[in-house]
Amino acid sequence: MINPEHSLSRCTFTVAHEFGHLAFSHRAIIIATDGMPRSRYSDEQELEAHSYGLAVLLPYAPLLQILRQGATAHGIAFHYGVSTAAVEMRLKIAGLWEMLAEK
C-alpha cells in the first residue's frame, strides 16, 4: 500500500485514503491487465476515499479558520504535514478554493 519512494506527506495521504476505502467498505473489482489480475476501485469509490482521507487530514472547521487568518496553501500543507496538492484538492472538494484564490 505504501510506496517507500514517496515522501512522508504522500505516504500520510495514502494511509488516510486507504482507510477511506475501509471506512466505506469498498470492494475492489478484479481486472486483467496484460494477463495479470489486478484489483481496482471504481472512480466513484476513489473519489470517496480521496475525500474521506483529505477530510481526516484537513478537518473543515480548522481549515476554514486558518484560511480566514490568511494562510497560504503551502503554509497549510506545512502545518498539517501534507502536500500542497492535497491542500488544494481538499479546498476544491470542500468548496473553499475561492478563499485561497482571492489572496
Protein backbone atom coordinates (compact mmCIF):
# COMPACT_ATOMS: atom_id res chain seq x y z
CA MET A 1 0.00 0.00 0.00
CA ILE A 2 2.79 2.42 0.80
CA ASN A 3 5.46 3.21 -1.75
CA PRO A 4 8.76 3.68 0.12
CA GLU A 5 9.88 6.05 -2.65
CA HIS A 6 7.11 8.53 -1.79
CA SER A 7 7.57 11.46 0.57
CA LEU A 8 6.22 11.31 4.13
CA SER A 9 3.40 13.69 3.22
CA ARG A 10 2.38 11.49 0.29
CA CYS A 11 2.51 8.37 2.47
CA THR A 12 0.33 10.12 5.06
CA PHE A 13 -2.31 10.82 2.41
CA THR A 14 -2.08 7.27 1.06
CA VAL A 15 -2.81 5.81 4.50
CA ALA A 16 -5.77 8.17 5.02
CA HIS A 17 -7.06 7.37 1.52
CA GLU A 18 -6.84 3.60 2.04
CA PHE A 19 -8.56 3.99 5.41
CA GLY A 20 -11.37 5.70 3.48
CA HIS A 21 -11.83 2.54 1.42
CA LEU A 22 -12.11 0.56 4.65
CA ALA A 23 -14.49 3.05 6.29
CA PHE A 24 -16.83 2.89 3.29
CA SER A 25 -16.48 -0.90 2.96
CA HIS A 26 -15.41 -0.52 -0.66
CA ARG A 27 -14.83 -3.72 -2.59
CA ALA A 28 -12.27 -3.67 -5.34
CA ILE A 29 -13.03 -5.19 -8.71
CA ILE A 30 -10.52 -7.51 -10.36
CA ILE A 31 -9.40 -6.65 -13.86
CA ALA A 32 -6.89 -8.40 -16.09
CA THR A 33 -4.10 -6.23 -17.43
CA ASP A 34 -1.55 -7.92 -19.67
CA GLY A 35 -2.85 -11.24 -18.43
CA MET A 36 -2.21 -10.27 -14.80
CA PRO A 37 -5.18 -9.90 -12.45
CA ARG A 38 -5.17 -6.58 -10.59
CA SER A 39 -7.59 -5.03 -8.18
CA ARG A 40 -9.08 -1.62 -8.80
CA TYR A 41 -11.70 0.57 -7.20
CA SER A 42 -14.34 2.41 -9.23
CA ASP A 43 -13.80 6.11 -9.95
CA GLU A 44 -16.64 6.92 -7.54
CA GLN A 45 -15.02 4.87 -4.79
CA GLU A 46 -11.67 6.55 -5.43
CA LEU A 47 -13.28 9.99 -5.09
CA GLU A 48 -14.97 8.93 -1.86
CA ALA A 49 -11.67 7.62 -0.47
CA HIS A 50 -9.84 10.80 -1.55
CA SER A 51 -12.50 12.99 0.05
CA TYR A 52 -12.51 10.96 3.25
CA GLY A 53 -8.73 10.91 3.57
CA LEU A 54 -8.48 14.64 2.95
CA ALA A 55 -11.26 15.38 5.46
CA VAL A 56 -9.46 13.34 8.11
CA LEU A 57 -6.15 15.09 7.45
CA LEU A 58 -7.61 18.58 6.91
CA PRO A 59 -10.79 18.97 9.03
CA TYR A 60 -13.21 21.58 7.70
CA ALA A 61 -13.61 23.91 10.72
CA PRO A 62 -9.89 24.30 11.50
CA LEU A 63 -9.17 24.61 7.78
CA LEU A 64 -11.73 27.39 7.45
CA GLN A 65 -10.26 29.17 10.47
CA ILE A 66 -6.70 29.02 9.18
CA LEU A 67 -7.85 30.29 5.77
CA ARG A 68 -9.60 33.24 7.42
CA GLN A 69 -6.31 34.03 9.15
CA GLY A 70 -4.67 34.38 5.73
CA ALA A 71 -2.77 31.11 5.46
CA THR A 72 -1.38 30.04 2.11
CA ALA A 73 -1.71 26.55 0.64
CA HIS A 74 1.97 25.98 1.33
CA GLY A 75 1.59 27.13 4.94
CA ILE A 76 -1.41 24.89 5.49
CA ALA A 77 0.44 21.95 3.95
CA PHE A 78 3.41 22.51 6.25
CA HIS A 79 1.16 22.90 9.31
CA TYR A 80 -0.72 19.65 8.66
CA GLY A 81 2.18 17.64 7.23
CA VAL A 82 0.56 17.06 3.85
CA SER A 83 1.40 18.13 0.32
CA THR A 84 0.31 21.42 -1.20
CA ALA A 85 -1.56 19.37 -3.82
CA ALA A 86 -3.54 17.66 -1.04
CA VAL A 87 -4.47 21.05 0.44
CA GLU A 88 -5.57 22.35 -2.94
CA MET A 89 -7.66 19.23 -3.59
CA ARG A 90 -9.32 19.50 -0.16
CA LEU A 91 -10.12 23.17 -0.67
CA LYS A 92 -11.74 22.42 -4.03
CA ILE A 93 -13.76 19.47 -2.69
CA ALA A 94 -14.87 21.46 0.38
CA GLY A 95 -15.86 24.50 -1.69
CA LEU A 96 -13.20 26.68 -0.06
CA TRP A 97 -10.92 27.16 -3.07
CA GLU A 98 -12.13 30.71 -3.69
CA MET A 99 -11.00 31.75 -0.21
CA LEU A 100 -7.43 30.84 -1.15
CA ALA A 101 -7.57 32.03 -4.73
CA GLU A 102 -8.61 35.55 -3.64
CA LYS A 103 -5.27 36.16 -1.94
